[in-house]
Amino acid sequence: MDKQILDFVTEKTNALIAAPSCCKEAKEAAQNWLAAVGTDKEKEETEKYLAELEEDLVSIDALIGLAESEMGQKIFGDNAKNVAEEGRKAKAAGAKNCFCDACKAVEAILSKKEEMLA
């Protein structure tokens, strides 16, 4: 993998791991990928990592639906209505995915998918 791409993905991967909204599975895949960089397992872990990220990226519609649901009330508490409203505004502005720190990092990493697999 090109050094610039590796540096970019490593930075975004560390941001993903640090994000409070990062799920356990994505965090584990990120840590496994970081550990595999530069080893004979790098290609395999890159494929697994990208597959996990594609599975975990939350669409803006899913975010809005969650925020408006009973589960969303439990997750976001009094902020649920604000999350739903911000989601609708983001969607109207063209956003396709959730805007939490984890999803922003995932989106950035996935933007380099082809280069990571090359």
N, C-alpha and C. Protein backbone atom coordinates (compact mmCIF):
# COMPACT_ATOMS: atom_id res chain seq x y z
N MET A 1 0.85 -1.18 0.00
CA MET A 1 0.00 0.00 0.00
C MET A 1 0.90 1.24 0.00
N ASP A 2 0.52 2.21 -0.80
CA ASP A 2 1.23 3.48 -0.89
C ASP A 2 1.33 4.12 0.50
N LYS A 3 2.47 4.73 0.82
CA LYS A 3 2.68 5.31 2.15
C LYS A 3 1.67 6.40 2.48
N GLN A 4 1.34 7.25 1.51
CA GLN A 4 0.35 8.30 1.77
C GLN A 4 -1.01 7.70 2.12
N ILE A 5 -1.40 6.67 1.40
CA ILE A 5 -2.68 6.00 1.68
C ILE A 5 -2.61 5.34 3.04
N LEU A 6 -1.52 4.64 3.31
CA LEU A 6 -1.35 3.97 4.60
C LEU A 6 -1.43 4.97 5.74
N ASP A 7 -0.75 6.10 5.62
CA ASP A 7 -0.77 7.12 6.67
C ASP A 7 -2.18 7.67 6.86
N PHE A 8 -2.88 7.94 5.76
CA PHE A 8 -4.25 8.46 5.82
C PHE A 8 -5.17 7.46 6.52
N VAL A 9 -5.12 6.20 6.08
CA VAL A 9 -6.00 5.18 6.64
C VAL A 9 -5.65 4.91 8.10
N THR A 10 -4.38 4.93 8.43
CA THR A 10 -3.97 4.73 9.82
C THR A 10 -4.51 5.85 10.71
N GLU A 11 -4.42 7.08 10.23
CA GLU A 11 -4.94 8.22 10.99
C GLU A 11 -6.45 8.09 11.20
N LYS A 12 -7.17 7.75 10.14
CA LYS A 12 -8.63 7.61 10.24
C LYS A 12 -9.01 6.40 11.08
N THR A 13 -8.20 5.35 11.02
CA THR A 13 -8.45 4.16 11.83
C THR A 13 -8.29 4.48 13.31
N ASN A 14 -7.28 5.24 13.66
CA ASN A 14 -7.11 5.66 15.05
C ASN A 14 -8.26 6.55 15.50
N ALA A 15 -8.76 7.40 14.61
CA ALA A 15 -9.93 8.24 14.93
C ALA A 15 -11.16 7.36 15.15
N LEU A 16 -11.30 6.33 14.33
CA LEU A 16 -12.43 5.41 14.47
C LEU A 16 -12.37 4.72 15.83
N ILE A 17 -11.22 4.19 16.18
CA ILE A 17 -11.06 3.49 17.46
C ILE A 17 -11.39 4.42 18.63
N ALA A 18 -11.02 5.68 18.52
CA ALA A 18 -11.25 6.65 19.60
C ALA A 18 -12.68 7.17 19.66
N ALA A 19 -13.45 6.97 18.60
CA ALA A 19 -14.81 7.51 18.54
C ALA A 19 -15.73 6.80 19.53
N PRO A 20 -16.44 7.55 20.37
CA PRO A 20 -17.35 6.93 21.33
C PRO A 20 -18.46 6.11 20.64
N SER A 21 -18.80 6.46 19.42
CA SER A 21 -19.87 5.77 18.71
C SER A 21 -19.40 4.54 17.94
N CYS A 22 -18.12 4.21 18.03
CA CYS A 22 -17.58 3.05 17.32
C CYS A 22 -18.04 1.76 18.00
N CYS A 23 -18.61 0.85 17.22
CA CYS A 23 -19.07 -0.42 17.78
C CYS A 23 -17.89 -1.34 18.05
N LYS A 24 -18.13 -2.33 18.89
CA LYS A 24 -17.09 -3.27 19.30
C LYS A 24 -16.46 -3.99 18.11
N GLU A 25 -17.29 -4.42 17.15
CA GLU A 25 -16.80 -5.17 16.00
C GLU A 25 -15.89 -4.33 15.11
N ALA A 26 -16.27 -3.08 14.88
CA ALA A 26 -15.44 -2.20 14.06
C ALA A 26 -14.13 -1.88 14.77
N LYS A 27 -14.20 -1.67 16.07
CA LYS A 27 -12.99 -1.38 16.84
C LYS A 27 -12.03 -2.57 16.78
N GLU A 28 -12.57 -3.77 16.93
CA GLU A 28 -11.74 -4.98 16.88
C GLU A 28 -11.11 -5.15 15.49
N ALA A 29 -11.91 -4.95 14.45
CA ALA A 29 -11.39 -5.07 13.07
C ALA A 29 -10.31 -4.02 12.82
N ALA A 30 -10.50 -2.82 13.34
CA ALA A 30 -9.52 -1.75 13.18
C ALA A 30 -8.21 -2.11 13.88
N GLN A 31 -8.31 -2.62 15.09
CA GLN A 31 -7.11 -3.01 15.84
C GLN A 31 -6.39 -4.16 15.14
N ASN A 32 -7.15 -5.12 14.63
CA ASN A 32 -6.55 -6.25 13.91
C ASN A 32 -5.84 -5.77 12.65
N TRP A 33 -6.46 -4.82 11.94
CA TRP A 33 -5.84 -4.30 10.73
C TRP A 33 -4.53 -3.58 11.07
N LEU A 34 -4.57 -2.72 12.08
CA LEU A 34 -3.35 -2.00 12.48
C LEU A 34 -2.23 -2.97 12.84
N ALA A 35 -2.57 -4.05 13.55
CA ALA A 35 -1.57 -5.03 13.96
C ALA A 35 -1.00 -5.79 12.76
N ALA A 36 -1.79 -5.92 11.69
CA ALA A 36 -1.38 -6.70 10.52
C ALA A 36 -0.59 -5.89 9.50
N VAL A 37 -0.63 -4.57 9.59
CA VAL A 37 0.07 -3.74 8.61
C VAL A 37 1.55 -4.10 8.59
N GLY A 38 2.06 -4.36 7.38
CA GLY A 38 3.46 -4.70 7.22
C GLY A 38 3.79 -6.17 7.43
N THR A 39 2.75 -6.98 7.68
CA THR A 39 2.96 -8.41 7.87
C THR A 39 2.35 -9.18 6.71
N ASP A 40 2.53 -10.50 6.72
CA ASP A 40 1.94 -11.32 5.67
C ASP A 40 0.42 -11.44 5.81
N LYS A 41 -0.14 -10.93 6.89
CA LYS A 41 -1.60 -10.96 7.09
C LYS A 41 -2.28 -9.66 6.67
N GLU A 42 -1.50 -8.71 6.19
CA GLU A 42 -2.06 -7.39 5.87
C GLU A 42 -3.19 -7.47 4.84
N LYS A 43 -3.00 -8.18 3.75
CA LYS A 43 -4.02 -8.25 2.70
C LYS A 43 -5.31 -8.87 3.24
N GLU A 44 -5.18 -9.97 3.96
CA GLU A 44 -6.35 -10.66 4.53
C GLU A 44 -7.08 -9.75 5.52
N GLU A 45 -6.34 -9.10 6.40
CA GLU A 45 -6.96 -8.23 7.40
C GLU A 45 -7.55 -6.98 6.75
N THR A 46 -6.95 -6.50 5.68
CA THR A 46 -7.51 -5.36 4.96
C THR A 46 -8.87 -5.72 4.40
N GLU A 47 -8.99 -6.88 3.79
CA GLU A 47 -10.27 -7.33 3.24
C GLU A 47 -11.32 -7.47 4.34
N LYS A 48 -10.94 -8.07 5.46
CA LYS A 48 -11.87 -8.22 6.59
C LYS A 48 -12.29 -6.86 7.15
N TYR A 49 -11.32 -5.97 7.28
CA TYR A 49 -11.57 -4.64 7.82
C TYR A 49 -12.56 -3.88 6.95
N LEU A 50 -12.31 -3.86 5.66
CA LEU A 50 -13.20 -3.15 4.74
C LEU A 50 -14.60 -3.75 4.76
N ALA A 51 -14.71 -5.07 4.82
CA ALA A 51 -16.02 -5.72 4.87
C ALA A 51 -16.77 -5.30 6.14
N GLU A 52 -16.07 -5.26 7.26
CA GLU A 52 -16.70 -4.85 8.52
C GLU A 52 -17.15 -3.39 8.44
N LEU A 53 -16.33 -2.53 7.89
CA LEU A 53 -16.69 -1.12 7.79
C LEU A 53 -17.90 -0.92 6.90
N GLU A 54 -17.96 -1.64 5.79
CA GLU A 54 -19.11 -1.52 4.89
C GLU A 54 -20.39 -1.97 5.59
N GLU A 55 -20.26 -2.98 6.44
CA GLU A 55 -21.42 -3.49 7.18
C GLU A 55 -21.87 -2.50 8.26
N ASP A 56 -20.93 -1.79 8.85
CA ASP A 56 -21.24 -0.94 10.00
C ASP A 56 -21.61 0.50 9.66
N LEU A 57 -21.31 0.95 8.46
CA LEU A 57 -21.63 2.33 8.08
C LEU A 57 -23.15 2.52 8.11
N VAL A 58 -23.60 3.51 8.86
CA VAL A 58 -25.03 3.77 9.05
C VAL A 58 -25.50 4.81 8.04
N SER A 59 -26.55 4.47 7.30
CA SER A 59 -27.11 5.43 6.34
C SER A 59 -27.81 6.55 7.10
N ILE A 60 -27.97 7.68 6.45
CA ILE A 60 -28.65 8.81 7.08
C ILE A 60 -30.10 8.46 7.39
N ASP A 61 -30.73 7.67 6.50
CA ASP A 61 -32.12 7.25 6.75
C ASP A 61 -32.21 6.35 7.98
N ALA A 62 -31.23 5.46 8.14
CA ALA A 62 -31.22 4.57 9.31
C ALA A 62 -31.02 5.38 10.59
N LEU A 63 -30.16 6.39 10.52
CA LEU A 63 -29.94 7.25 11.68
C LEU A 63 -31.23 7.97 12.07
N ILE A 64 -31.90 8.55 11.10
CA ILE A 64 -33.15 9.26 11.37
C ILE A 64 -34.18 8.31 11.97
N GLY A 65 -34.30 7.13 11.35
CA GLY A 65 -35.24 6.13 11.86
C GLY A 65 -34.92 5.72 13.28
N LEU A 66 -33.65 5.51 13.56
CA LEU A 66 -33.24 5.14 14.92
C LEU A 66 -33.56 6.26 15.90
N ALA A 67 -33.22 7.47 15.55
CA ALA A 67 -33.44 8.60 16.46
C ALA A 67 -34.92 8.79 16.78
N GLU A 68 -35.79 8.42 15.84
CA GLU A 68 -37.23 8.59 16.04
C GLU A 68 -37.87 7.37 16.70
N SER A 69 -37.11 6.33 16.94
CA SER A 69 -37.65 5.10 17.51
C SER A 69 -37.54 5.07 19.04
N GLU A 70 -38.17 4.06 19.61
CA GLU A 70 -38.08 3.84 21.05
C GLU A 70 -36.63 3.58 21.46
N MET A 71 -35.92 2.79 20.65
CA MET A 71 -34.52 2.50 20.94
C MET A 71 -33.70 3.79 20.88
N GLY A 72 -34.03 4.65 19.92
CA GLY A 72 -33.33 5.93 19.81
C GLY A 72 -33.51 6.78 21.05
N GLN A 73 -34.70 6.71 21.64
CA GLN A 73 -34.94 7.43 22.89
C GLN A 73 -34.01 6.93 23.98
N LYS A 74 -33.79 5.61 24.01
CA LYS A 74 -32.90 5.02 25.02
C LYS A 74 -31.45 5.42 24.76
N ILE A 75 -31.05 5.43 23.49
CA ILE A 75 -29.66 5.73 23.14
C ILE A 75 -29.36 7.22 23.29
N PHE A 76 -30.23 8.05 22.70
CA PHE A 76 -29.96 9.49 22.64
C PHE A 76 -30.63 10.29 23.75
N GLY A 77 -31.56 9.68 24.46
CA GLY A 77 -32.25 10.37 25.55
C GLY A 77 -32.99 11.60 25.05
N ASP A 78 -32.87 12.68 25.80
CA ASP A 78 -33.55 13.93 25.45
C ASP A 78 -33.05 14.52 24.14
N ASN A 79 -31.93 14.06 23.66
CA ASN A 79 -31.33 14.58 22.43
C ASN A 79 -31.86 13.89 21.17
N ALA A 80 -32.71 12.88 21.32
CA ALA A 80 -33.18 12.09 20.18
C ALA A 80 -33.84 12.95 19.11
N LYS A 81 -34.71 13.88 19.52
CA LYS A 81 -35.38 14.73 18.53
C LYS A 81 -34.38 15.60 17.78
N ASN A 82 -33.37 16.09 18.49
CA ASN A 82 -32.33 16.90 17.85
C ASN A 82 -31.53 16.08 16.85
N VAL A 83 -31.22 14.83 17.21
CA VAL A 83 -30.47 13.95 16.30
C VAL A 83 -31.28 13.71 15.04
N ALA A 84 -32.57 13.43 15.20
CA ALA A 84 -33.44 13.21 14.04
C ALA A 84 -33.50 14.46 13.16
N GLU A 85 -33.64 15.62 13.78
CA GLU A 85 -33.72 16.88 13.03
C GLU A 85 -32.40 17.16 12.31
N GLU A 86 -31.29 16.97 12.99
CA GLU A 86 -29.97 17.16 12.36
C GLU A 86 -29.79 16.18 11.21
N GLY A 87 -30.30 14.97 11.39
CA GLY A 87 -30.25 13.97 10.32
C GLY A 87 -31.03 14.41 9.10
N ARG A 88 -32.23 14.95 9.32
CA ARG A 88 -33.05 15.43 8.20
C ARG A 88 -32.36 16.60 7.49
N LYS A 89 -31.75 17.50 8.26
CA LYS A 89 -31.02 18.63 7.66
C LYS A 89 -29.83 18.12 6.84
N ALA A 90 -29.11 17.16 7.40
CA ALA A 90 -27.94 16.60 6.69
C ALA A 90 -28.38 15.91 5.41
N LYS A 91 -29.49 15.19 5.48
CA LYS A 91 -30.01 14.50 4.29
C LYS A 91 -30.41 15.53 3.22
N ALA A 92 -31.08 16.59 3.64
CA ALA A 92 -31.50 17.63 2.69
C ALA A 92 -30.29 18.29 2.03
N ALA A 93 -29.17 18.32 2.76
CA ALA A 93 -27.94 18.91 2.22
C ALA A 93 -27.14 17.91 1.38
N GLY A 94 -27.67 16.69 1.26
CA GLY A 94 -27.02 15.70 0.40
C GLY A 94 -26.28 14.58 1.11
N ALA A 95 -26.26 14.59 2.44
CA ALA A 95 -25.56 13.52 3.17
C ALA A 95 -26.23 12.18 2.94
N LYS A 96 -25.43 11.16 2.78
CA LYS A 96 -25.95 9.82 2.58
C LYS A 96 -25.77 8.96 3.83
N ASN A 97 -24.84 9.36 4.70
CA ASN A 97 -24.52 8.56 5.87
C ASN A 97 -24.56 9.36 7.16
N CYS A 98 -24.61 8.64 8.25
CA CYS A 98 -24.58 9.21 9.59
C CYS A 98 -23.38 10.14 9.72
N PHE A 99 -23.50 11.12 10.59
CA PHE A 99 -22.46 12.13 10.75
C PHE A 99 -21.72 12.02 12.09
N CYS A 100 -21.86 10.88 12.77
CA CYS A 100 -21.11 10.70 14.02
C CYS A 100 -19.63 10.52 13.68
N ASP A 101 -18.78 10.64 14.68
CA ASP A 101 -17.33 10.55 14.45
C ASP A 101 -16.93 9.20 13.86
N ALA A 102 -17.56 8.12 14.32
CA ALA A 102 -17.21 6.79 13.80
C ALA A 102 -17.58 6.69 12.32
N CYS A 103 -18.78 7.08 11.97
CA CYS A 103 -19.21 6.96 10.57
C CYS A 103 -18.41 7.89 9.65
N LYS A 104 -18.03 9.07 10.15
CA LYS A 104 -17.20 9.96 9.33
C LYS A 104 -15.84 9.31 9.06
N ALA A 105 -15.27 8.64 10.07
CA ALA A 105 -13.99 7.96 9.88
C ALA A 105 -14.15 6.79 8.91
N VAL A 106 -15.23 6.03 9.05
CA VAL A 106 -15.49 4.90 8.16
C VAL A 106 -15.63 5.38 6.72
N GLU A 107 -16.38 6.44 6.52
CA GLU A 107 -16.56 7.00 5.18
C GLU A 107 -15.21 7.39 4.56
N ALA A 108 -14.37 8.02 5.36
CA ALA A 108 -13.05 8.43 4.87
C ALA A 108 -12.20 7.22 4.50
N ILE A 109 -12.22 6.20 5.33
CA ILE A 109 -11.44 4.98 5.05
C ILE A 109 -11.96 4.31 3.79
N LEU A 110 -13.28 4.16 3.69
CA LEU A 110 -13.86 3.50 2.52
C LEU A 110 -13.61 4.27 1.23
N SER A 111 -13.36 5.57 1.34
CA SER A 111 -13.04 6.35 0.14
C SER A 111 -11.71 5.93 -0.47
N LYS A 112 -10.91 5.20 0.30
CA LYS A 112 -9.60 4.72 -0.16
C LYS A 112 -9.60 3.20 -0.38
N LYS A 113 -10.77 2.61 -0.47
CA LYS A 113 -10.88 1.15 -0.59
C LYS A 113 -10.07 0.59 -1.76
N GLU A 114 -10.23 1.16 -2.94
CA GLU A 114 -9.52 0.64 -4.11
C GLU A 114 -8.01 0.68 -3.91
N GLU A 115 -7.53 1.78 -3.36
CA GLU A 115 -6.09 1.91 -3.13
C GLU A 115 -5.60 0.93 -2.07
N MET A 116 -6.45 0.66 -1.08
CA MET A 116 -6.07 -0.28 -0.03
C MET A 116 -5.97 -1.70 -0.56
N LEU A 117 -6.80 -2.02 -1.54
CA LEU A 117 -6.83 -3.38 -2.09
C LEU A 117 -5.85 -3.58 -3.24
N ALA A 118 -5.27 -2.49 -3.73
CA ALA A 118 -4.37 -2.57 -4.90
C ALA A 118 -3.08 -3.30 -4.57
